[in-house]
């Protein structure tokens, strides 16, 4: 199992309960949920990928359960990985998903590959 399928199911359930239209896409060796054609939230191994406001990025990194998403040795500002303990409770998972949804309208879509 490349990613925690149970966490992926829990994320999907939260998005459905919030009546959010999303598309699932395999990325980062895991599964991401695209909202408005932009990466919003996902799961990599057993951690939550959260796309948050880059202006609040440093503040969230102060939390024990967060670390930057590091791709190829380079931190991706605005993306954090949340340890399983940080999303163990449904209320904690819902909080993180809502943070991602709140930032989504301001997020820039990645360039389409030709």
C-alpha atoms as a PDB file:
ATOM      1  CA  UNK A   1       0.000   0.000   0.000  1.00  0.00           C
ATOM      2  CA  UNK A   2       1.611   3.254  -1.164  1.00  0.00           C
ATOM      3  CA  UNK A   3      -0.703   5.426   0.938  1.00  0.00           C
ATOM      4  CA  UNK A   4      -3.127   5.075   3.826  1.00  0.00           C
ATOM      5  CA  UNK A   5      -6.358   4.133   2.078  1.00  0.00           C
ATOM      6  CA  UNK A   6      -8.377   4.625   5.245  1.00  0.00           C
ATOM      7  CA  UNK A   7      -7.160   8.230   5.575  1.00  0.00           C
ATOM      8  CA  UNK A   8      -7.943   8.772   1.879  1.00  0.00           C
ATOM      9  CA  UNK A   9     -11.473   7.464   2.499  1.00  0.00           C
ATOM     10  CA  UNK A  10     -11.888   9.757   5.523  1.00  0.00           C
ATOM     11  CA  UNK A  11     -10.789  12.806   3.487  1.00  0.00           C
ATOM     12  CA  UNK A  12     -13.162  11.856   0.684  1.00  0.00           C
ATOM     13  CA  UNK A  13     -15.998  11.507   3.196  1.00  0.00           C
ATOM     14  CA  UNK A  14     -15.350  14.977   4.652  1.00  0.00           C
ATOM     15  CA  UNK A  15     -15.340  16.527   1.166  1.00  0.00           C
ATOM     16  CA  UNK A  16     -18.580  14.742   0.256  1.00  0.00           C
ATOM     17  CA  UNK A  17     -20.244  15.842   3.495  1.00  0.00           C
ATOM     18  CA  UNK A  18     -19.306  19.436   2.635  1.00  0.00           C
ATOM     19  CA  UNK A  19     -20.800  18.967  -0.874  1.00  0.00           C
ATOM     20  CA  UNK A  20     -17.462  19.821  -2.506  1.00  0.00           C
ATOM     21  CA  UNK A  21     -16.895  18.700  -6.089  1.00  0.00           C
ATOM     22  CA  UNK A  22     -13.454  17.103  -6.367  1.00  0.00           C
ATOM     23  CA  UNK A  23     -11.391  14.877  -8.611  1.00  0.00           C
ATOM     24  CA  UNK A  24      -9.019  12.237  -7.281  1.00  0.00           C
ATOM     25  CA  UNK A  25      -5.533  12.248  -8.785  1.00  0.00           C
ATOM     26  CA  UNK A  26      -2.501  10.122  -7.984  1.00  0.00           C
ATOM     27  CA  UNK A  27       0.405  12.405  -7.066  1.00  0.00           C
ATOM     28  CA  UNK A  28       3.465  12.333  -4.771  1.00  0.00           C
ATOM     29  CA  UNK A  29       3.141   8.552  -4.551  1.00  0.00           C
ATOM     30  CA  UNK A  30      -0.227   9.043  -2.902  1.00  0.00           C
ATOM     31  CA  UNK A  31      -3.698  10.318  -3.669  1.00  0.00           C
ATOM     32  CA  UNK A  32      -4.666  13.972  -3.930  1.00  0.00           C
ATOM     33  CA  UNK A  33      -8.040  15.647  -4.152  1.00  0.00           C
ATOM     34  CA  UNK A  34      -8.287  18.392  -6.731  1.00  0.00           C
ATOM     35  CA  UNK A  35     -10.843  21.144  -6.146  1.00  0.00           C
ATOM     36  CA  UNK A  36     -11.346  23.699  -8.939  1.00  0.00           C
ATOM     37  CA  UNK A  37      -8.491  22.004 -10.859  1.00  0.00           C
ATOM     38  CA  UNK A  38      -6.083  22.776  -7.982  1.00  0.00           C
ATOM     39  CA  UNK A  39      -4.473  20.438  -5.488  1.00  0.00           C
ATOM     40  CA  UNK A  40      -6.400  20.980  -2.282  1.00  0.00           C
ATOM     41  CA  UNK A  41      -5.708  18.108   0.108  1.00  0.00           C
ATOM     42  CA  UNK A  42      -4.358  14.592  -0.089  1.00  0.00           C
ATOM     43  CA  UNK A  43      -2.585  11.678   1.490  1.00  0.00           C
ATOM     44  CA  UNK A  44       1.016  10.519   1.075  1.00  0.00           C
ATOM     45  CA  UNK A  45       2.029   7.326   2.869  1.00  0.00           C
ATOM     46  CA  UNK A  46       0.226   7.785   6.192  1.00  0.00           C
ATOM     47  CA  UNK A  47       0.305  11.593   6.322  1.00  0.00           C
ATOM     48  CA  UNK A  48      -2.164  14.245   5.247  1.00  0.00           C
ATOM     49  CA  UNK A  49      -1.000  16.680   2.554  1.00  0.00           C
ATOM     50  CA  UNK A  50      -2.523  20.061   3.312  1.00  0.00           C
ATOM     51  CA  UNK A  51      -2.318  23.041   0.954  1.00  0.00           C
ATOM     52  CA  UNK A  52      -2.583  26.088   3.157  1.00  0.00           C
ATOM     53  CA  UNK A  53      -2.054  29.814   2.811  1.00  0.00           C
ATOM     54  CA  UNK A  54       1.706  30.387   2.289  1.00  0.00           C
ATOM     55  CA  UNK A  55       1.463  33.457   4.524  1.00  0.00           C
ATOM     56  CA  UNK A  56       0.486  31.145   7.413  1.00  0.00           C
ATOM     57  CA  UNK A  57       2.978  28.405   6.453  1.00  0.00           C
ATOM     58  CA  UNK A  58       5.621  29.225   9.086  1.00  0.00           C
ATOM     59  CA  UNK A  59       2.993  29.436  11.826  1.00  0.00           C
ATOM     60  CA  UNK A  60       1.704  25.924  11.087  1.00  0.00           C
ATOM     61  CA  UNK A  61       5.228  24.507  11.035  1.00  0.00           C
ATOM     62  CA  UNK A  62       5.486  25.410  14.730  1.00  0.00           C
ATOM     63  CA  UNK A  63       2.918  22.701  15.466  1.00  0.00           C
ATOM     64  CA  UNK A  64       4.460  19.366  16.431  1.00  0.00           C
ATOM     65  CA  UNK A  65       2.372  17.387  13.973  1.00  0.00           C
ATOM     66  CA  UNK A  66       3.393  19.450  10.908  1.00  0.00           C
ATOM     67  CA  UNK A  67       6.405  19.444   8.651  1.00  0.00           C
ATOM     68  CA  UNK A  68       6.976  20.970   5.236  1.00  0.00           C
ATOM     69  CA  UNK A  69       6.267  18.899   2.141  1.00  0.00           C
ATOM     70  CA  UNK A  70       9.750  18.339   0.794  1.00  0.00           C
ATOM     71  CA  UNK A  71       9.938  17.293  -2.840  1.00  0.00           C
ATOM     72  CA  UNK A  72      13.378  16.550  -4.221  1.00  0.00           C
ATOM     73  CA  UNK A  73      15.115  18.236  -1.295  1.00  0.00           C
ATOM     74  CA  UNK A  74      13.185  21.458  -1.752  1.00  0.00           C
ATOM     75  CA  UNK A  75      10.417  22.571   0.582  1.00  0.00           C
ATOM     76  CA  UNK A  76       7.150  23.449  -1.129  1.00  0.00           C
ATOM     77  CA  UNK A  77       5.905  26.584   0.626  1.00  0.00           C
ATOM     78  CA  UNK A  78       2.223  26.383   1.404  1.00  0.00           C
ATOM     79  CA  UNK A  79       2.182  22.585   1.575  1.00  0.00           C
ATOM     80  CA  UNK A  80       2.512  20.759   4.890  1.00  0.00           C
ATOM     81  CA  UNK A  81       2.458  17.126   5.880  1.00  0.00           C
ATOM     82  CA  UNK A  82       0.398  16.383   8.971  1.00  0.00           C
ATOM     83  CA  UNK A  83       1.373  13.351  11.048  1.00  0.00           C
ATOM     84  CA  UNK A  84      -1.311  10.712  11.646  1.00  0.00           C
ATOM     85  CA  UNK A  85      -1.703  11.863  15.263  1.00  0.00           C
ATOM     86  CA  UNK A  86      -2.705  15.314  13.958  1.00  0.00           C
ATOM     87  CA  UNK A  87      -5.695  13.904  12.050  1.00  0.00           C
ATOM     88  CA  UNK A  88      -6.572  10.971  14.307  1.00  0.00           C
ATOM     89  CA  UNK A  89      -9.779  12.599  15.524  1.00  0.00           C
ATOM     90  CA  UNK A  90     -12.480  13.348  12.939  1.00  0.00           C
ATOM     91  CA  UNK A  91     -12.734  16.918  14.220  1.00  0.00           C
ATOM     92  CA  UNK A  92      -8.987  17.437  13.602  1.00  0.00           C
ATOM     93  CA  UNK A  93      -9.246  16.041  10.082  1.00  0.00           C
ATOM     94  CA  UNK A  94     -12.245  18.276   9.360  1.00  0.00           C
ATOM     95  CA  UNK A  95     -10.267  21.309  10.603  1.00  0.00           C
ATOM     96  CA  UNK A  96      -7.378  20.580   8.230  1.00  0.00           C
ATOM     97  CA  UNK A  97      -9.652  19.899   5.259  1.00  0.00           C
ATOM     98  CA  UNK A  98     -11.513  23.160   5.942  1.00  0.00           C
ATOM     99  CA  UNK A  99      -8.200  25.083   6.056  1.00  0.00           C
ATOM    100  CA  UNK A 100      -7.381  23.657   2.634  1.00  0.00           C
ATOM    101  CA  UNK A 101     -10.829  24.505   1.269  1.00  0.00           C
ATOM    102  CA  UNK A 102     -10.592  28.051   2.653  1.00  0.00           C
ATOM    103  CA  UNK A 103      -7.307  28.620   0.819  1.00  0.00           C
ATOM    104  CA  UNK A 104      -8.344  26.896  -2.416  1.00  0.00           C
ATOM    105  CA  UNK A 105     -10.040  29.928  -4.053  1.00  0.00           C
ATOM    106  CA  UNK A 106      -6.806  31.930  -3.582  1.00  0.00           C
ATOM    107  CA  UNK A 107      -4.478  29.127  -4.738  1.00  0.00           C
ATOM    108  CA  UNK A 108      -2.956  29.227  -8.182  1.00  0.00           C
ATOM    109  CA  UNK A 109      -3.517  26.301 -10.488  1.00  0.00           C
ATOM    110  CA  UNK A 110      -0.403  24.567 -11.765  1.00  0.00           C
ATOM    111  CA  UNK A 111       0.482  24.973 -15.405  1.00  0.00           C
ATOM    112  CA  UNK A 112      -1.046  22.369 -17.665  1.00  0.00           C
ATOM    113  CA  UNK A 113       1.450  20.035 -19.343  1.00  0.00           C
ATOM    114  CA  UNK A 114       1.324  20.051 -23.118  1.00  0.00           C
END
